[in-house]
Protein backbone atom coordinates (compact mmCIF):
# COMPACT_ATOMS: atom_id res chain seq x y z
CA UNK A 1 -28.14 9.68 -22.37
CA UNK A 2 -28.48 6.76 -19.96
CA UNK A 3 -27.77 4.23 -22.32
CA UNK A 4 -24.65 5.93 -23.27
CA UNK A 5 -23.54 6.28 -19.81
CA UNK A 6 -24.08 2.78 -18.74
CA UNK A 7 -20.54 1.33 -19.89
CA UNK A 8 -19.11 4.16 -17.71
CA UNK A 9 -21.12 3.07 -14.81
CA UNK A 10 -20.48 -0.42 -15.23
CA UNK A 11 -16.43 -0.23 -15.22
CA UNK A 12 -16.46 2.42 -12.56
CA UNK A 13 -18.67 0.27 -10.09
CA UNK A 14 -17.35 -3.17 -10.74
CA UNK A 15 -13.69 -2.97 -10.34
CA UNK A 16 -12.43 -4.75 -7.18
CA UNK A 17 -10.24 -2.85 -4.93
CA UNK A 18 -6.35 -3.09 -5.57
CA UNK A 19 -7.14 -3.98 -9.29
CA UNK A 20 -5.22 -2.05 -12.01
CA UNK A 21 -7.60 0.28 -14.05
CA UNK A 22 -7.65 -0.50 -17.94
CA UNK A 23 -6.66 2.07 -20.29
CA UNK A 24 -9.91 2.73 -21.59
CA UNK A 25 -11.27 3.41 -17.99
CA UNK A 26 -8.39 6.22 -17.62
CA UNK A 27 -9.37 8.09 -20.73
CA UNK A 28 -13.17 8.67 -19.48
CA UNK A 29 -14.34 12.14 -18.23
CA UNK A 30 -15.76 10.34 -15.19
CA UNK A 31 -12.23 9.28 -14.27
CA UNK A 32 -10.35 12.58 -14.89
CA UNK A 33 -8.35 12.43 -11.46
CA UNK A 34 -8.74 9.43 -9.10
CA UNK A 35 -7.13 7.56 -6.20
CA UNK A 36 -6.67 4.03 -5.91
CA UNK A 37 -5.35 1.97 -2.93
CA UNK A 38 -1.99 -0.48 -3.35
CA UNK A 39 -0.14 -2.62 -1.28
CA UNK A 40 3.67 -3.03 -0.63
CA UNK A 41 4.98 -6.00 1.18
CA UNK A 42 8.46 -6.97 2.32
CA UNK A 43 10.33 -8.86 4.70
CA UNK A 44 12.45 -6.73 7.46
CA UNK A 45 15.54 -8.16 6.74
CA UNK A 46 15.66 -6.90 3.13
CA UNK A 47 15.73 -3.25 4.64
CA UNK A 48 13.50 -1.77 1.91
CA UNK A 49 10.21 -2.11 0.25
CA UNK A 50 9.26 -1.09 -3.27
CA UNK A 51 6.10 0.89 -3.51
CA UNK A 52 4.62 1.56 -7.16
CA UNK A 53 1.63 3.23 -8.46
CA UNK A 54 0.41 1.81 -11.64
CA UNK A 55 -1.25 5.30 -12.71
CA UNK A 56 -0.48 8.75 -10.97
CA UNK A 57 1.72 9.31 -7.79
CA UNK A 58 2.32 8.02 -4.58
CA UNK A 59 0.14 10.45 -2.17
CA UNK A 60 -0.41 8.82 1.50
CA UNK A 61 0.59 6.06 3.66
CA UNK A 62 -2.67 4.88 5.35
CA UNK A 63 -1.39 1.71 7.14
CA UNK A 64 1.91 0.28 7.97
CA UNK A 65 2.04 -3.09 9.86
CA UNK A 66 3.83 -6.24 10.49
CA UNK A 67 3.14 -9.93 10.92
CA UNK A 68 5.17 -13.14 11.81
CA UNK A 69 5.01 -16.27 9.90
CA UNK A 70 3.59 -17.79 12.93
CA UNK A 71 0.28 -15.61 12.88
CA UNK A 72 -2.68 -16.77 11.02
CA UNK A 73 -1.88 -17.60 7.27
CA UNK A 74 -4.78 -15.46 6.15
CA UNK A 75 -2.92 -12.45 7.73
CA UNK A 76 -0.06 -13.12 5.55
CA UNK A 77 -2.02 -12.44 2.32
CA UNK A 78 -3.78 -9.14 3.38
CA UNK A 79 -2.56 -5.82 2.93
CA UNK A 80 -4.24 -4.86 6.29
CA UNK A 81 -3.56 -7.68 8.80
CA UNK A 82 -5.80 -7.23 11.99
CA UNK A 83 -4.88 -7.58 15.61
CA UNK A 84 -1.36 -8.31 14.99
CA UNK A 85 0.87 -8.51 18.26
CA UNK A 86 3.73 -6.49 16.50
CA UNK A 87 1.16 -3.49 15.21
CA UNK A 88 1.80 -1.73 18.61
CA UNK A 89 5.62 -2.10 18.41
CA UNK A 90 5.78 -0.30 14.97
CA UNK A 91 7.60 3.26 15.32
CA UNK A 92 4.79 4.85 13.08
CA UNK A 93 6.36 8.17 13.49
CA UNK A 94 9.73 7.07 11.69
CA UNK A 95 7.84 4.94 8.96
CA UNK A 96 5.69 8.33 8.05
CA UNK A 97 9.04 10.38 7.97
CA UNK A 98 10.77 7.83 5.93
CA UNK A 99 7.85 7.64 3.54
CA UNK A 100 7.54 11.34 2.95
CA UNK A 101 11.38 11.52 2.53
CA UNK A 102 11.54 8.68 -0.19
CA UNK A 103 8.23 8.09 -1.46
CA UNK A 104 5.76 11.07 -1.53
CA UNK A 105 4.97 12.49 -5.07
CA UNK A 106 6.80 9.60 -6.78
CA UNK A 107 5.32 7.16 -9.00
CA UNK A 108 7.56 4.48 -7.48
CA UNK A 109 10.05 4.30 -4.99
CA UNK A 110 12.29 2.09 -2.63
CA UNK A 111 11.27 2.88 0.83
CA UNK A 112 14.19 2.11 3.23
CA UNK A 113 13.15 0.35 6.51
CA UNK A 114 15.25 0.69 9.65
CA UNK A 115 16.04 -2.30 11.59
CA UNK A 116 14.59 -0.69 14.63
CA UNK A 117 11.36 0.32 13.10
CA UNK A 118 9.87 -2.42 15.28
CA UNK A 119 10.63 -2.01 18.99
CA UNK A 120 11.09 -4.79 21.62
CA UNK A 121 11.20 -7.60 19.17
CA UNK A 122 13.53 -10.37 19.25
CA UNK A 123 16.18 -10.79 16.60
CA UNK A 124 14.14 -13.91 15.13
CA UNK A 125 10.93 -12.00 15.28
CA UNK A 126 12.81 -9.22 13.17
CA UNK A 127 14.23 -11.66 10.73
CA UNK A 128 10.88 -13.39 10.11
CA UNK A 129 8.65 -10.16 10.02
CA UNK A 130 6.75 -9.36 6.95
CA UNK A 131 5.85 -5.84 6.77
CA UNK A 132 2.79 -4.33 4.81
CA UNK A 133 2.14 -0.76 3.46
CA UNK A 134 -1.04 0.22 2.33
CA UNK A 135 -0.70 3.48 0.32
CA UNK A 136 -3.02 5.67 -2.10
CA UNK A 137 -2.04 6.55 -5.69
CA UNK A 138 -3.44 9.83 -6.96
CA UNK A 139 -3.98 11.00 -10.40
CA UNK A 140 -4.71 14.83 -10.85
CA UNK A 141 -7.25 16.27 -13.19
């Protein structure tokens, strides 16, 4: 029995985070119902962010943050930037309300982003801001 279960164990433990599951992984008993993390990214000046679940539906917004291009370049490639100067300026309550209204339970959505989601920012900071959303996708049993 251990020999037969090894391929399942291998595929379930070796998938890096934020990677789409392969079709044969979705049909295994060990994967009946799962959640995965995904990342959305958009410039504030576009006023919307596209969120898509490759499998399942959008369940929870775990993190919403922003960086400017003047910040460390490694932060521009992350879904979870750390210690950003704009983090405390984001109206998280407004973001969560918008997320629940437009995206919760769907497999993809366009989440509108109000211009004033970042308070106390200059016009140029808002124009240059890159927003990040880390969200979960869930597939029910």
